[in-house]
């Protein structure tokens, strides 16, 4: 999915998770909130937003912030790097090789990895970044398709002085981008981790989640355009319910319960900027058309490069009190979604799918330990590959990297990948290897995917049922 998700905010906590499937989940709510006076404001959310901003403002004024927060990495700007007339914000931490690159979902940026990146940075070099127009990055050129985004990311890494090999980690729409990056620059890739990633053919699931998928997707885009107009006019914050509705577009809905108060304050302030909505619109408008086509056309075998696929299993937050008909419909979606995710097992001979029990679309927030474990496994595999190849013949990729490889501490540049992997042949996808599904049993609340411009009716209905979500440990 493109970065949408969850149904996570059941009742008064109706998370944008539900919307993240293209905010489908959120369509109805946003329509009502933006209809000035047409719906009662969500007092719970408004009070929380106000309290967070007051407390954090006091903290900033006394200088006591961030140092004690787990997500302090994202409170200060990273590095603004010029990539050809505009700057992208990159947030790097840790040392070592390979370097882990994180790409967030639609309407998200670098803090989406706050529960994962700091833990991985204790072991190796890590970098997350804000795509053009998002977070602290400048707006970028049109069209905002995956192809343009991947070109910008590659240029960013080079300009920032980051060196391959890379382990690519993509959530939702970010999954589009890291796959396309691997398709183009496979000789720079040591591993890939897809976190409930969007699938270029996920539109096939729309009939399972909505009676009017096209209308739901158009409603989502209309909501973004309305918030964009309000941001340009500077009137988003003039009323509590418009501020709440528009801020609810980002991540799983701001304030995000897993973020610190200072980080939520920063993100709520960034959510007032017109460029945020323009960037989301630019990516969303091409998500199921140009971007999907670019990813579909570029699809290739990754040979033996490690591929880990993490998939949520409860995108609609189905619980014991969910009406049976709605639970059955949500179940059909989950089975279809998992089938799409399994299709990627054919991309690599070293692929594995993990079903994240009781997690929704935001696996990195609901079950961060699963994402961390998958990344660490690929780091270990990369280290073993480098060690085995320390005396071997250089591949074309290693020759191009030249001095960078010697900087890793090896007397000779390692044969990073066998020739067949460094320069893989394009060939039809092989039959997927035996499915190895690791069921992670634990309880977390759910979230939902993006890009299925059709989850609105199911998610809205489920939200309306006010069922309880699985308990959190």
Protein backbone atom coordinates (compact mmCIF):
# COMPACT_ATOMS: atom_id res chain seq x y z
CA UNK A 1 0.00 0.00 0.00
CA UNK A 2 1.10 3.29 -0.54
CA UNK A 3 1.51 4.27 2.91
CA UNK A 4 -1.96 4.09 4.18
CA UNK A 5 -3.15 2.11 6.90
CA UNK A 6 -5.04 1.26 9.84
CA UNK A 7 -8.30 1.24 11.38
CA UNK A 8 -6.51 1.69 14.52
CA UNK A 9 -8.38 4.42 16.25
CA UNK A 10 -11.50 2.60 17.19
CA UNK A 11 -14.22 4.69 18.76
CA UNK A 12 -12.80 7.99 19.95
CA UNK A 13 -9.34 6.80 18.93
CA UNK A 14 -10.33 6.28 15.34
CA UNK A 15 -6.86 6.14 13.80
CA UNK A 16 -6.05 7.13 10.38
CA UNK A 17 -4.86 3.62 10.15
CA UNK A 18 -8.16 2.80 8.67
CA UNK A 19 -7.57 5.52 6.26
CA UNK A 20 -4.16 4.48 5.42
CA UNK A 21 -5.54 2.15 2.92
CA UNK A 22 -5.94 5.17 1.05
CA UNK A 23 -7.47 6.90 3.90
CA UNK A 24 -10.39 4.99 2.77
CA UNK A 25 -10.84 4.26 6.32
CA UNK A 26 -10.78 7.84 6.96
CA UNK A 27 -12.81 9.14 4.12
CA UNK A 28 -16.05 9.50 5.95
CA UNK A 29 -14.50 11.03 9.01
CA UNK A 30 -12.52 13.61 7.10
CA UNK A 31 -15.46 14.54 4.96
CA UNK A 32 -17.44 15.24 8.09
CA UNK A 33 -14.65 17.09 9.89
CA UNK A 34 -13.98 19.33 6.93
CA UNK A 35 -17.64 20.11 6.53
CA UNK A 36 -17.52 23.12 8.80
CA UNK A 37 -20.15 22.76 11.44
CA UNK A 38 -21.63 19.69 9.81
CA UNK A 39 -20.20 17.32 12.36
CA UNK A 40 -19.45 17.56 16.04
CA UNK A 41 -15.72 17.98 16.66
CA UNK A 42 -13.72 15.10 18.06
CA UNK A 43 -13.21 16.60 21.50
CA UNK A 44 -10.95 13.83 22.72
CA UNK A 45 -8.49 14.33 19.90
CA UNK A 46 -8.62 18.13 20.09
CA UNK A 47 -7.90 18.09 23.81
CA UNK A 48 -4.94 15.75 23.29
CA UNK A 49 -3.54 17.94 20.49
CA UNK A 50 -3.94 21.06 22.61
CA UNK A 51 -2.35 19.46 25.66
CA UNK A 52 0.61 18.14 23.68
CA UNK A 53 1.27 21.53 22.12
CA UNK A 54 1.06 23.34 25.48
CA UNK A 55 3.29 20.89 27.32
CA UNK A 56 5.84 20.77 24.52
CA UNK A 57 5.86 24.53 24.11
CA UNK A 58 6.74 24.83 27.79
CA UNK A 59 9.47 22.24 27.39
CA UNK A 60 10.96 24.00 24.39
CA UNK A 61 10.88 27.34 26.20
CA UNK A 62 12.91 25.89 29.11
CA UNK A 63 15.26 24.03 26.78
CA UNK A 64 14.34 20.66 28.23
CA UNK A 65 13.37 18.54 25.25
CA UNK A 66 14.48 15.68 23.10
CA UNK A 67 17.43 14.59 25.20
CA UNK A 68 15.23 12.19 27.13
CA UNK A 69 12.98 11.09 24.28
CA UNK A 70 13.46 7.82 22.43
CA UNK A 71 12.73 9.53 19.11
CA UNK A 72 15.11 12.48 19.66
CA UNK A 73 16.89 11.59 16.40
CA UNK A 74 14.05 13.22 14.44
CA UNK A 75 13.59 16.39 16.49
CA UNK A 76 16.56 18.18 14.98
CA UNK A 77 17.13 18.51 11.24
CA UNK A 78 19.31 15.85 9.67
CA UNK A 79 21.34 17.02 6.69
CA UNK A 80 19.77 19.05 3.91
CA UNK A 81 21.53 17.77 0.79
CA UNK A 82 21.24 19.39 -2.63
CA UNK A 83 20.14 16.93 -5.30
CA UNK A 84 19.97 19.24 -8.28
CA UNK A 85 18.26 22.48 -7.36
CA UNK A 86 16.37 21.37 -4.27
CA UNK A 87 17.34 19.79 -0.95
CA UNK A 88 16.32 16.55 0.69
CA UNK A 89 16.54 15.94 4.43
CA UNK A 90 18.46 12.78 5.34
CA UNK A 91 18.71 11.48 8.92
CA UNK A 92 21.66 9.14 9.44
CA UNK A 93 22.94 7.44 12.55
CA UNK A 94 25.36 4.65 13.41
CA UNK A 95 28.50 3.37 11.72
CA UNK A 96 29.45 0.30 9.76
CA UNK A 97 28.41 -1.52 6.62
CA UNK A 98 26.05 -2.35 5.02
CA UNK A 99 24.05 0.86 5.27
CA UNK A 100 20.33 0.43 5.96
CA UNK A 101 18.11 2.82 3.99
CA UNK A 102 14.53 3.46 5.14
CA UNK A 103 11.69 4.77 2.94
CA UNK A 104 8.33 5.55 4.57
CA UNK A 105 4.80 5.21 3.22
CA UNK A 106 2.55 7.74 1.55
CA UNK A 107 1.90 10.78 3.78
CA UNK A 108 4.74 9.71 6.07
CA UNK A 109 8.38 10.68 6.41
CA UNK A 110 11.46 9.76 8.45
CA UNK A 111 9.88 9.60 11.97
CA UNK A 112 7.83 6.63 10.75
CA UNK A 113 10.96 4.60 11.58
CA UNK A 114 11.41 5.93 15.12
CA UNK A 115 10.87 2.50 16.69
CA UNK A 116 13.28 0.76 14.33
CA UNK A 117 16.11 3.00 13.08
CA UNK A 118 17.70 3.82 16.49
CA UNK A 119 17.85 0.11 17.38
CA UNK A 120 19.44 -0.85 14.06
CA UNK A 121 21.86 2.09 14.27
CA UNK A 122 23.45 0.43 17.29
CA UNK A 123 24.77 -2.21 14.87
CA UNK A 124 25.43 -0.47 11.55
CA UNK A 125 24.99 2.70 9.51
CA UNK A 126 21.35 3.74 8.98
CA UNK A 127 19.66 6.52 7.00
CA UNK A 128 16.03 7.53 6.72
CA UNK A 129 14.96 10.52 4.67
CA UNK A 130 12.06 12.80 3.82
CA UNK A 131 10.92 12.50 0.22
CA UNK A 132 10.64 15.80 -1.66
CA UNK A 133 8.05 18.10 -0.09
CA UNK A 134 7.69 15.94 3.03
CA UNK A 135 9.00 16.83 6.48
CA UNK A 136 11.99 19.13 6.18
CA UNK A 137 12.69 18.45 2.49
CA UNK A 138 12.12 21.01 -0.26
CA UNK A 139 9.42 20.37 -2.86
CA UNK A 140 10.69 18.43 -5.87
CA UNK A 141 9.95 18.39 -9.60
CA UNK A 142 6.95 16.70 -11.16
CA UNK A 143 5.90 14.04 -11.80
CA UNK A 144 6.12 12.62 -8.27
CA UNK A 145 6.23 9.01 -9.41
CA UNK A 146 8.36 6.20 -8.01
CA UNK A 147 10.82 6.54 -10.88
CA UNK A 148 11.55 10.17 -10.02
CA UNK A 149 11.69 9.38 -6.30
CA UNK A 150 14.19 6.55 -6.82
CA UNK A 151 16.42 8.74 -8.99
CA UNK A 152 16.39 11.40 -6.28
CA UNK A 153 17.18 8.87 -3.55
CA UNK A 154 20.13 7.48 -5.49
CA UNK A 155 21.47 10.97 -6.08
CA UNK A 156 20.89 11.85 -2.43
CA UNK A 157 22.90 8.89 -1.16
CA UNK A 158 25.77 9.70 -3.49
CA UNK A 159 25.75 13.43 -2.66
CA UNK A 160 25.55 12.68 1.06
CA UNK A 161 28.60 10.43 0.81
CA UNK A 162 26.78 7.24 1.76
CA UNK A 163 28.25 4.07 0.30
CA UNK A 164 26.80 0.75 -0.84
CA UNK A 165 26.07 -2.00 -0.21
CA UNK A 166 22.60 -1.04 1.00
CA UNK A 167 19.86 -2.90 2.78
CA UNK A 168 16.62 -1.30 1.59
CA UNK A 169 13.63 -1.13 3.94
CA UNK A 170 10.31 0.16 2.58
CA UNK A 171 6.89 0.50 4.16
CA UNK A 172 3.70 0.77 2.11
CA UNK A 173 4.38 3.17 -0.81
CA UNK A 174 8.03 3.09 0.26
CA UNK A 175 7.95 -0.56 -0.78
CA UNK A 176 7.30 0.52 -4.36
CA UNK A 177 10.36 2.73 -4.20
CA UNK A 178 12.84 0.30 -2.66
CA UNK A 179 11.83 -2.43 -5.10
CA UNK A 180 12.33 -0.08 -8.04
CA UNK A 181 15.67 1.01 -6.55
CA UNK A 182 16.74 -2.65 -6.38
CA UNK A 183 15.52 -3.24 -9.93
CA UNK A 184 17.74 -0.40 -11.18
CA UNK A 185 20.77 -0.66 -8.91
CA UNK A 186 20.84 -4.31 -7.91
CA UNK A 187 24.63 -4.39 -7.73
CA UNK A 188 24.43 -1.88 -4.84
CA UNK A 189 21.91 -3.90 -2.83
CA UNK A 190 22.73 -6.37 -0.05
CA UNK A 191 19.17 -7.05 1.07
CA UNK A 192 15.54 -5.90 0.93
CA UNK A 193 12.91 -5.73 3.67
CA UNK A 194 9.31 -5.02 2.63
CA UNK A 195 7.09 -3.86 5.49
CA UNK A 196 3.43 -4.40 4.52
CA UNK A 197 4.45 -2.96 1.19
CA UNK A 198 2.10 -1.70 -1.47
CA UNK A 199 1.61 -4.06 -4.41
CA UNK A 200 1.28 -2.82 -7.97
CA UNK A 201 -1.73 -5.08 -8.50
CA UNK A 202 -3.52 -4.39 -5.24
CA UNK A 203 -6.40 -2.71 -7.05
CA UNK A 204 -7.70 -6.24 -7.57
CA UNK A 205 -8.62 -6.29 -3.89
CA UNK A 206 -10.81 -3.22 -4.04
CA UNK A 207 -14.01 -5.13 -4.64
CA UNK A 208 -13.41 -6.93 -1.35
CA UNK A 209 -13.25 -3.74 0.66
CA UNK A 210 -15.65 -1.27 -0.92
CA UNK A 211 -18.73 -1.14 -3.06
CA UNK A 212 -17.48 2.07 -4.68
CA UNK A 213 -13.65 1.95 -4.86
CA UNK A 214 -13.23 4.70 -7.44
CA UNK A 215 -15.47 7.06 -5.48
CA UNK A 216 -13.60 6.31 -2.26
CA UNK A 217 -10.23 7.02 -3.85
CA UNK A 218 -11.53 10.26 -5.35
CA UNK A 219 -12.93 11.25 -1.95
CA UNK A 220 -9.53 10.71 -0.38
CA UNK A 221 -7.85 12.92 -2.99
CA UNK A 222 -10.59 15.54 -2.52
CA UNK A 223 -9.85 15.59 1.21
CA UNK A 224 -6.17 16.19 0.55
CA UNK A 225 -7.00 19.00 -1.86
CA UNK A 226 -9.31 20.63 0.71
CA UNK A 227 -6.59 20.53 3.35
CA UNK A 228 -4.10 21.87 0.81
CA UNK A 229 -6.35 24.86 0.13
CA UNK A 230 -6.80 25.48 3.85
CA UNK A 231 -3.01 25.28 4.36
CA UNK A 232 -2.38 27.81 1.58
CA UNK A 233 -4.95 30.13 3.16
CA UNK A 234 -3.40 29.57 6.58
CA UNK A 235 -6.74 28.55 8.06
CA UNK A 236 -6.16 24.90 9.04
CA UNK A 237 -5.55 25.84 12.67
CA UNK A 238 -8.38 28.36 12.93
CA UNK A 239 -10.79 25.68 14.11
CA UNK A 240 -10.01 22.64 16.21
CA UNK A 241 -11.83 20.17 14.01
CA UNK A 242 -10.20 21.21 10.72
CA UNK A 243 -6.79 21.08 12.39
CA UNK A 244 -7.58 17.62 13.74
CA UNK A 245 -8.94 16.36 10.41
CA UNK A 246 -6.03 17.57 8.31
CA UNK A 247 -3.38 16.46 10.80
CA UNK A 248 -5.12 13.10 10.74
CA UNK A 249 -3.91 12.62 7.17
CA UNK A 250 -0.34 11.95 8.25
CA UNK A 251 1.12 8.79 9.74
CA UNK A 252 -1.69 7.00 11.59
CA UNK A 253 -3.25 10.32 12.50
CA UNK A 254 -1.53 12.97 14.58
CA UNK A 255 -0.87 12.91 17.44
CA UNK A 256 0.59 9.43 17.02
CA UNK A 257 0.38 7.49 20.27
CA UNK A 258 3.84 5.91 19.90
CA UNK A 259 5.63 9.26 19.40
CA UNK A 260 6.88 11.52 22.18
CA UNK A 261 5.10 14.79 22.92
CA UNK A 262 7.95 16.90 21.44
CA UNK A 263 7.92 14.88 18.22
CA UNK A 264 4.13 15.08 17.92
CA UNK A 265 4.36 18.84 18.39
CA UNK A 266 6.92 19.13 15.61
CA UNK A 267 4.87 16.98 13.25
CA UNK A 268 1.66 18.85 14.01
CA UNK A 269 3.46 22.08 13.11
CA UNK A 270 4.79 20.55 9.88
CA UNK A 271 1.23 19.42 9.07
CA UNK A 272 0.27 23.08 8.66
CA UNK A 273 2.60 23.54 5.69
CA UNK A 274 1.04 23.61 2.20
CA UNK A 275 4.00 21.67 0.80
CA UNK A 276 3.05 18.63 2.89
CA UNK A 277 -0.33 18.31 1.19
CA UNK A 278 1.10 19.14 -2.24
CA UNK A 279 3.70 16.38 -1.83
CA UNK A 280 1.12 13.83 -0.69
CA UNK A 281 -1.19 14.76 -3.56
CA UNK A 282 1.62 14.49 -6.10
CA UNK A 283 2.48 10.97 -4.93
CA UNK A 284 -1.11 9.80 -4.38
CA UNK A 285 -2.39 10.94 -7.76
CA UNK A 286 0.17 8.71 -9.51
CA UNK A 287 0.19 5.86 -7.02
CA UNK A 288 -2.10 3.40 -8.80
CA UNK A 289 -1.25 4.55 -12.33
CA UNK A 290 2.23 5.73 -13.31
CA UNK A 291 4.05 4.54 -10.19
CA UNK A 292 2.38 1.12 -10.28
CA UNK A 293 3.25 0.77 -13.98
CA UNK A 294 6.88 1.73 -13.35
CA UNK A 295 7.25 -0.91 -10.66
CA UNK A 296 5.43 -3.54 -12.71
CA UNK A 297 7.58 -2.97 -15.81
CA UNK A 298 10.86 -3.03 -13.91
CA UNK A 299 10.15 -6.22 -11.97
CA UNK A 300 13.10 -8.61 -12.13
CA UNK A 301 14.71 -11.47 -10.24
CA UNK A 302 16.90 -10.54 -7.28
CA UNK A 303 18.81 -13.80 -7.53
CA UNK A 304 19.93 -14.87 -4.05
CA UNK A 305 19.80 -11.42 -2.47
CA UNK A 306 17.94 -11.77 0.86
CA UNK A 307 14.32 -10.63 0.73
CA UNK A 308 12.22 -10.42 3.89
CA UNK A 309 8.50 -9.68 3.63
CA UNK A 310 6.61 -8.58 6.75
CA UNK A 311 2.83 -8.47 6.49
CA UNK A 312 0.15 -7.26 8.86
CA UNK A 313 -2.72 -9.63 9.57
CA UNK A 314 -5.42 -7.39 11.07
CA UNK A 315 -5.66 -4.24 8.98
CA UNK A 316 -9.25 -3.47 10.00
CA UNK A 317 -8.81 -4.01 13.71
CA UNK A 318 -11.30 -6.87 13.77
CA UNK A 319 -12.15 -7.88 17.32
CA UNK A 320 -14.55 -10.15 19.19
CA UNK A 321 -17.44 -7.71 18.82
CA UNK A 322 -17.07 -7.08 15.10
CA UNK A 323 -20.29 -8.04 13.25
CA UNK A 324 -19.77 -11.42 11.52
CA UNK A 325 -20.52 -10.08 8.05
CA UNK A 326 -17.91 -7.35 8.39
CA UNK A 327 -15.39 -9.73 9.91
CA UNK A 328 -15.90 -12.12 6.99
CA UNK A 329 -15.37 -9.34 4.48
CA UNK A 330 -12.23 -8.17 6.26
CA UNK A 331 -11.03 -11.78 6.30
CA UNK A 332 -11.38 -12.03 2.53
CA UNK A 333 -9.26 -8.92 2.20
CA UNK A 334 -6.56 -10.31 4.50
CA UNK A 335 -6.34 -13.53 2.49
CA UNK A 336 -6.12 -11.58 -0.76
CA UNK A 337 -3.54 -9.20 0.68
CA UNK A 338 -1.38 -12.05 1.92
CA UNK A 339 -1.57 -13.74 -1.48
CA UNK A 340 -0.19 -10.58 -3.11
CA UNK A 341 2.59 -10.38 -0.54
CA UNK A 342 3.46 -14.05 -1.12
CA UNK A 343 3.91 -13.36 -4.82
CA UNK A 344 7.20 -11.61 -4.00
CA UNK A 345 8.69 -14.88 -2.76
CA UNK A 346 9.40 -15.58 -6.44
CA UNK A 347 11.76 -12.60 -6.65
CA UNK A 348 14.59 -14.20 -4.67
CA UNK A 349 15.83 -17.68 -3.89
CA UNK A 350 16.42 -16.40 -0.36
CA UNK A 351 12.97 -15.00 0.43
CA UNK A 352 10.81 -15.38 3.51
CA UNK A 353 7.38 -14.09 4.49
CA UNK A 354 6.51 -13.28 8.10
CA UNK A 355 2.89 -12.77 9.15
CA UNK A 356 2.78 -10.23 11.98
CA UNK A 357 -0.04 -11.46 14.19
CA UNK A 358 -2.40 -8.75 15.46
CA UNK A 359 -0.58 -6.04 13.54
CA UNK A 360 -2.12 -3.79 10.97
CA UNK A 361 -0.45 -1.82 8.21
CA UNK A 362 2.14 -0.13 10.44
CA UNK A 363 4.12 -3.20 11.40
CA UNK A 364 7.10 -0.98 12.28
CA UNK A 365 5.01 0.69 15.00
CA UNK A 366 2.84 -2.25 16.09
CA UNK A 367 5.59 -4.90 15.99
CA UNK A 368 8.92 -3.08 15.62
CA UNK A 369 10.83 -6.06 16.96
CA UNK A 370 9.89 -8.07 13.87
CA UNK A 371 11.28 -5.41 11.54
CA UNK A 372 14.44 -5.06 13.61
CA UNK A 373 14.98 -8.82 13.60
CA UNK A 374 14.55 -9.05 9.82
CA UNK A 375 17.05 -6.23 9.23
CA UNK A 376 19.59 -7.71 11.64
CA UNK A 377 19.33 -11.05 9.89
CA UNK A 378 20.16 -9.41 6.57
CA UNK A 379 23.06 -7.51 8.15
CA UNK A 380 24.49 -10.80 9.40
CA UNK A 381 24.08 -12.38 5.96
CA UNK A 382 25.85 -9.41 4.37
CA UNK A 383 28.76 -9.69 6.81
CA UNK A 384 29.16 -13.38 6.03
CA UNK A 385 29.08 -12.69 2.30
CA UNK A 386 31.80 -10.05 2.62
CA UNK A 387 33.93 -12.33 4.78
CA UNK A 388 33.66 -15.21 2.31
CA UNK A 389 34.55 -12.98 -0.62
CA UNK A 390 37.48 -11.16 0.95
CA UNK A 391 39.97 -12.95 -1.25
CA UNK A 392 37.89 -13.41 -4.35
CA UNK A 393 37.80 -11.74 -7.70
CA UNK A 394 36.15 -8.33 -7.88
CA UNK A 395 32.78 -8.05 -9.50
CA UNK A 396 31.95 -5.15 -11.77
CA UNK A 397 30.08 -3.53 -8.91
CA UNK A 398 33.01 -3.76 -6.50
CA UNK A 399 35.33 -2.35 -9.14
CA UNK A 400 33.05 0.65 -9.48
CA UNK A 401 32.96 1.20 -5.77
CA UNK A 402 36.78 1.15 -5.68
CA UNK A 403 38.18 2.92 -2.66
CA UNK A 404 34.86 2.78 -0.81
CA UNK A 405 35.29 -0.95 -0.25
CA UNK A 406 38.81 -0.52 1.08
CA UNK A 407 37.42 2.06 3.48
CA UNK A 408 35.36 -0.72 5.08
CA UNK A 409 38.63 -2.13 6.44
CA UNK A 410 39.41 -4.82 3.85
CA UNK A 411 42.84 -4.99 2.26
CA UNK A 412 41.19 -5.97 -0.99
CA UNK A 413 37.75 -5.07 -2.21
CA UNK A 414 35.54 -8.10 -1.54
CA UNK A 415 33.67 -9.96 -4.22
CA UNK A 416 30.46 -8.61 -2.80
CA UNK A 417 28.21 -10.78 -4.91
CA UNK A 418 28.83 -13.55 -7.39
CA UNK A 419 28.88 -12.41 -10.97
CA UNK A 420 25.48 -13.91 -11.56
CA UNK A 421 23.99 -11.79 -8.80
CA UNK A 422 25.95 -8.63 -9.52
CA UNK A 423 24.79 -8.76 -13.11
CA UNK A 424 21.64 -10.87 -12.96
CA UNK A 425 20.03 -12.11 -16.13
CA UNK A 426 16.49 -11.09 -16.80
CA UNK A 427 14.39 -14.21 -16.93
CA UNK A 428 10.82 -15.24 -16.18
CA UNK A 429 9.92 -15.42 -12.51
CA UNK A 430 10.52 -18.87 -11.19
CA UNK A 431 8.02 -20.79 -9.15
CA UNK A 432 8.13 -19.39 -5.61
CA UNK A 433 10.30 -21.38 -3.21
CA UNK A 434 8.59 -23.37 -0.51
CA UNK A 435 6.66 -20.90 1.57
CA UNK A 436 8.23 -20.31 4.93
CA UNK A 437 5.83 -18.36 7.05
CA UNK A 438 6.95 -17.21 10.46
CA UNK A 439 3.87 -16.51 12.52
CA UNK A 440 4.71 -13.93 15.14
CA UNK A 441 2.31 -14.43 17.99
CA UNK A 442 1.72 -11.40 20.12
CA UNK A 443 -1.03 -8.90 20.57
CA UNK A 444 -0.95 -5.44 19.12
CA UNK A 445 -3.56 -3.16 17.78
CA UNK A 446 -4.16 -3.08 14.08
CA UNK A 447 -3.47 -0.72 11.23
CA UNK A 448 -4.37 -0.63 7.60
CA UNK A 449 -2.73 -0.32 4.15
CA UNK A 450 -2.76 2.42 1.54
CA UNK A 451 -3.65 2.66 -2.03
CA UNK A 452 -6.63 0.38 -2.05
CA UNK A 453 -9.00 3.20 -2.80
CA UNK A 454 -11.72 1.03 -1.47
CA UNK A 455 -11.33 0.11 2.11
CA UNK A 456 -13.55 2.94 3.16
CA UNK A 457 -16.87 1.16 3.38
CA UNK A 458 -15.57 -1.78 5.37
CA UNK A 459 -13.40 0.29 7.61
CA UNK A 460 -16.05 2.89 8.20
CA UNK A 461 -18.55 0.18 8.99
CA UNK A 462 -16.17 -1.53 11.37
CA UNK A 463 -15.37 1.73 13.07
CA UNK A 464 -19.04 2.41 13.44
CA UNK A 465 -19.48 -0.97 15.13
CA UNK A 466 -17.20 0.29 17.92
CA UNK A 467 -15.61 -3.11 18.47
CA UNK A 468 -12.66 -3.55 20.77
CA UNK A 469 -9.18 -4.06 19.31
CA UNK A 470 -6.78 -6.76 20.52
CA UNK A 471 -5.14 -5.88 23.86
CA UNK A 472 -1.62 -4.53 23.81
CA UNK A 473 1.08 -6.15 25.98
